[in-house]
């Protein structure tokens, strides 16, 4: 991992960054003008399903094009370049860091991408990426900041709820109807036609 790009991005309350991920990836890999000539995609990687050996083994959702809220995490990009008749796919792994920087992950052979062409198809391209994806997921999530203590938030919420229940009970106790049982009140309402028999 070595290539990195940093920009200033707006961040929302959940920590997502407002960015055009396609433009950021293009800048990160210094891609040529014909980038995405034949299409391509970017996917947020959430895990691996090693019961499969194709692209479905890489778990996660595809990211939409344009300005969007992007969650920090590990991403896989597939650029489909080449000519219309001889397409070439380039698979590149990178992370979107919590500060908005993007970090590219190098393959063990030192290259930035895993390439596949019509003359050299890689039917198991996903399997070739598993070690790199596993390392990226481990590194990214092991460096995650500690979450806010949930217990204290629950305690505060419970205290507020208890106070609201007590205030409601006091209001009911002060009510003129507080001296009657629920059954007696329902019987009275039935006699007035509020409830059908």
Protein backbone atom coordinates (compact mmCIF):
# COMPACT_ATOMS: atom_id res chain seq x y z
CA UNK A 1 0.00 0.00 0.00
CA UNK A 2 1.56 3.27 -1.02
CA UNK A 3 -0.37 5.53 -3.39
CA UNK A 4 -2.53 8.02 -1.56
CA UNK A 5 -4.69 11.00 -2.37
CA UNK A 6 -6.15 13.45 0.11
CA UNK A 7 -8.85 16.04 -0.35
CA UNK A 8 -11.22 17.95 1.87
CA UNK A 9 -14.67 16.34 2.03
CA UNK A 10 -17.85 17.19 3.90
CA UNK A 11 -18.67 14.63 6.59
CA UNK A 12 -22.12 13.75 7.96
CA UNK A 13 -23.08 12.63 11.49
CA UNK A 14 -22.51 8.93 10.60
CA UNK A 15 -18.98 9.64 9.38
CA UNK A 16 -19.80 9.25 5.67
CA UNK A 17 -18.01 11.56 3.24
CA UNK A 18 -19.67 13.51 0.43
CA UNK A 19 -17.66 12.70 -2.70
CA UNK A 20 -17.71 11.53 -6.28
CA UNK A 21 -15.95 8.22 -5.73
CA UNK A 22 -15.35 7.60 -9.45
CA UNK A 23 -13.44 10.88 -9.81
CA UNK A 24 -11.49 10.21 -6.63
CA UNK A 25 -10.49 6.72 -7.85
CA UNK A 26 -9.50 8.07 -11.24
CA UNK A 27 -7.22 10.61 -9.54
CA UNK A 28 -5.82 8.01 -7.13
CA UNK A 29 -4.67 5.69 -9.92
CA UNK A 30 -3.80 8.52 -12.33
CA UNK A 31 -6.02 6.88 -14.92
CA UNK A 32 -5.90 7.87 -18.62
CA UNK A 33 -8.56 9.89 -20.39
CA UNK A 34 -10.22 6.72 -21.73
CA UNK A 35 -10.86 5.43 -18.22
CA UNK A 36 -14.23 3.63 -18.03
CA UNK A 37 -14.30 3.53 -21.86
CA UNK A 38 -16.17 0.22 -21.79
CA UNK A 39 -17.71 0.66 -18.34
CA UNK A 40 -16.77 -0.46 -14.89
CA UNK A 41 -17.91 -0.45 -11.29
CA UNK A 42 -16.86 0.16 -7.71
CA UNK A 43 -17.98 -1.99 -4.80
CA UNK A 44 -17.70 -1.48 -1.03
CA UNK A 45 -16.18 -4.73 0.27
CA UNK A 46 -17.69 -5.99 3.51
CA UNK A 47 -16.31 -9.52 3.58
CA UNK A 48 -15.55 -12.72 1.69
CA UNK A 49 -17.69 -15.80 1.04
CA UNK A 50 -15.09 -18.44 0.23
CA UNK A 51 -17.81 -20.92 -0.62
CA UNK A 52 -17.86 -19.27 -4.05
CA UNK A 53 -14.95 -18.68 -6.42
CA UNK A 54 -16.31 -15.90 -8.62
CA UNK A 55 -17.18 -12.23 -8.08
CA UNK A 56 -20.07 -13.22 -5.80
CA UNK A 57 -17.48 -14.30 -3.24
CA UNK A 58 -16.72 -10.62 -2.60
CA UNK A 59 -19.51 -9.40 -0.34
CA UNK A 60 -20.76 -5.82 -0.41
CA UNK A 61 -22.76 -3.29 -2.37
CA UNK A 62 -21.93 -1.46 -5.58
CA UNK A 63 -21.56 2.30 -5.21
CA UNK A 64 -23.63 4.65 -7.34
CA UNK A 65 -22.04 7.16 -9.70
CA UNK A 66 -21.84 10.87 -8.87
CA UNK A 67 -21.74 12.85 -5.64
CA UNK A 68 -22.87 10.54 -2.85
CA UNK A 69 -22.33 9.90 0.84
CA UNK A 70 -19.53 7.33 0.90
CA UNK A 71 -18.82 5.30 4.03
CA UNK A 72 -15.15 4.84 4.95
CA UNK A 73 -14.05 1.29 4.22
CA UNK A 74 -12.45 -1.10 1.74
CA UNK A 75 -13.44 -0.78 -1.93
CA UNK A 76 -12.80 -2.74 -5.11
CA UNK A 77 -12.79 -0.95 -8.46
CA UNK A 78 -13.10 -2.63 -11.85
CA UNK A 79 -12.22 -0.50 -14.85
CA UNK A 80 -13.10 -1.96 -18.23
CA UNK A 81 -10.74 -0.42 -20.76
CA UNK A 82 -9.19 -1.54 -24.01
CA UNK A 83 -11.00 -1.46 -27.32
CA UNK A 84 -14.60 -2.50 -27.87
CA UNK A 85 -13.43 -5.78 -29.42
CA UNK A 86 -10.56 -6.46 -27.01
CA UNK A 87 -11.72 -5.30 -23.60
CA UNK A 88 -9.37 -5.34 -20.64
CA UNK A 89 -10.53 -5.42 -17.01
CA UNK A 90 -8.38 -3.94 -14.24
CA UNK A 91 -9.29 -4.79 -10.64
CA UNK A 92 -7.91 -2.35 -8.05
CA UNK A 93 -8.31 -2.38 -4.29
CA UNK A 94 -8.29 0.77 -2.18
CA UNK A 95 -9.56 2.16 1.11
CA UNK A 96 -11.50 5.32 1.81
CA UNK A 97 -10.10 6.43 5.15
CA UNK A 98 -12.10 8.19 7.86
CA UNK A 99 -10.32 11.48 7.05
CA UNK A 100 -11.30 11.28 3.34
CA UNK A 101 -7.95 10.11 2.01
CA UNK A 102 -7.81 7.19 -0.41
CA UNK A 103 -5.09 4.54 -0.16
CA UNK A 104 -4.33 2.08 -2.97
CA UNK A 105 -3.33 -1.47 -2.11
CA UNK A 106 -0.52 -3.06 -4.11
CA UNK A 107 -0.68 -6.67 -5.18
CA UNK A 108 2.09 -8.99 -3.96
CA UNK A 109 3.73 -8.79 -7.40
CA UNK A 110 4.06 -5.01 -6.97
CA UNK A 111 1.36 -4.05 -9.47
CA UNK A 112 -1.58 -1.79 -8.68
CA UNK A 113 -4.12 -3.89 -10.52
CA UNK A 114 -5.02 -7.42 -11.51
CA UNK A 115 -5.56 -7.36 -15.27
CA UNK A 116 -7.77 -9.60 -17.35
CA UNK A 117 -8.07 -9.48 -21.15
CA UNK A 118 -10.07 -11.48 -23.66
CA UNK A 119 -6.89 -13.28 -24.69
CA UNK A 120 -5.98 -13.91 -21.03
CA UNK A 121 -9.26 -14.34 -19.12
CA UNK A 122 -9.18 -14.87 -15.37
CA UNK A 123 -12.25 -16.89 -14.49
CA UNK A 124 -11.10 -16.97 -10.86
CA UNK A 125 -10.06 -13.30 -10.66
CA UNK A 126 -11.85 -12.92 -7.30
CA UNK A 127 -9.83 -15.75 -5.73
CA UNK A 128 -6.61 -13.98 -6.76
CA UNK A 129 -7.81 -10.94 -4.77
CA UNK A 130 -8.81 -12.77 -1.58
CA UNK A 131 -5.45 -12.44 0.24
CA UNK A 132 -5.22 -8.72 -0.55
CA UNK A 133 -8.86 -8.09 0.38
CA UNK A 134 -8.47 -10.04 3.63
CA UNK A 135 -5.42 -8.00 4.61
CA UNK A 136 -7.11 -4.70 3.70
CA UNK A 137 -10.23 -5.57 5.72
CA UNK A 138 -8.16 -6.62 8.71
CA UNK A 139 -5.97 -3.50 8.60
CA UNK A 140 -8.86 -1.10 8.08
CA UNK A 141 -11.14 -2.46 10.78
CA UNK A 142 -8.38 -3.07 13.32
CA UNK A 143 -7.59 0.65 13.14
CA UNK A 144 -11.23 1.66 13.72
CA UNK A 145 -11.73 4.18 16.51
CA UNK A 146 -13.40 2.99 19.69
CA UNK A 147 -17.18 3.42 19.51
CA UNK A 148 -18.95 5.65 22.01
CA UNK A 149 -19.92 3.77 25.16
CA UNK A 150 -23.38 2.43 24.40
CA UNK A 151 -24.15 1.56 28.02
CA UNK A 152 -24.03 5.18 29.17
CA UNK A 153 -26.32 6.24 26.32
CA UNK A 154 -28.80 3.49 27.26
CA UNK A 155 -28.64 4.50 30.94
CA UNK A 156 -29.40 8.12 30.02
CA UNK A 157 -32.28 7.05 27.77
CA UNK A 158 -33.69 4.77 30.48
CA UNK A 159 -33.50 7.55 33.08
CA UNK A 160 -35.37 9.92 30.76
CA UNK A 161 -37.98 7.23 30.04
CA UNK A 162 -38.47 6.50 33.76
CA UNK A 163 -38.98 10.22 34.45
CA UNK A 164 -41.59 10.40 31.69
CA UNK A 165 -43.43 7.32 33.03
CA UNK A 166 -43.47 8.77 36.56
CA UNK A 167 -44.82 12.11 35.30
CA UNK A 168 -47.55 10.31 33.34
CA UNK A 169 -48.45 8.19 36.39
CA UNK A 170 -48.69 11.33 38.55
CA UNK A 171 -50.98 12.91 35.96
CA UNK A 172 -53.20 9.79 35.90
CA UNK A 173 -53.31 9.65 39.69
CA UNK A 174 -54.53 13.25 39.78
CA UNK A 175 -57.26 12.53 37.21
CA UNK A 176 -60.91 12.45 38.27
CA UNK A 177 -61.19 8.98 36.70
CA UNK A 178 -58.31 7.54 38.73
CA UNK A 179 -60.72 6.17 41.35
CA UNK A 180 -62.45 3.84 38.88
CA UNK A 181 -61.17 0.46 37.70
CA UNK A 182 -60.48 -0.15 34.02
CA UNK A 183 -63.36 -2.65 33.86
CA UNK A 184 -65.78 -0.11 35.33
CA UNK A 185 -64.70 2.54 32.83
CA UNK A 186 -65.11 0.13 29.89
CA UNK A 187 -68.59 -0.92 31.16
CA UNK A 188 -69.63 2.74 31.36
CA UNK A 189 -68.35 3.43 27.83
CA UNK A 190 -70.21 0.36 26.50
CA UNK A 191 -73.43 1.55 28.11
CA UNK A 192 -72.98 4.82 26.24
CA UNK A 193 -72.44 3.01 22.92
CA UNK A 194 -68.73 3.68 22.58
CA UNK A 195 -67.91 -0.03 22.27
CA UNK A 196 -70.09 -2.48 20.37
CA UNK A 197 -71.15 -5.58 22.32
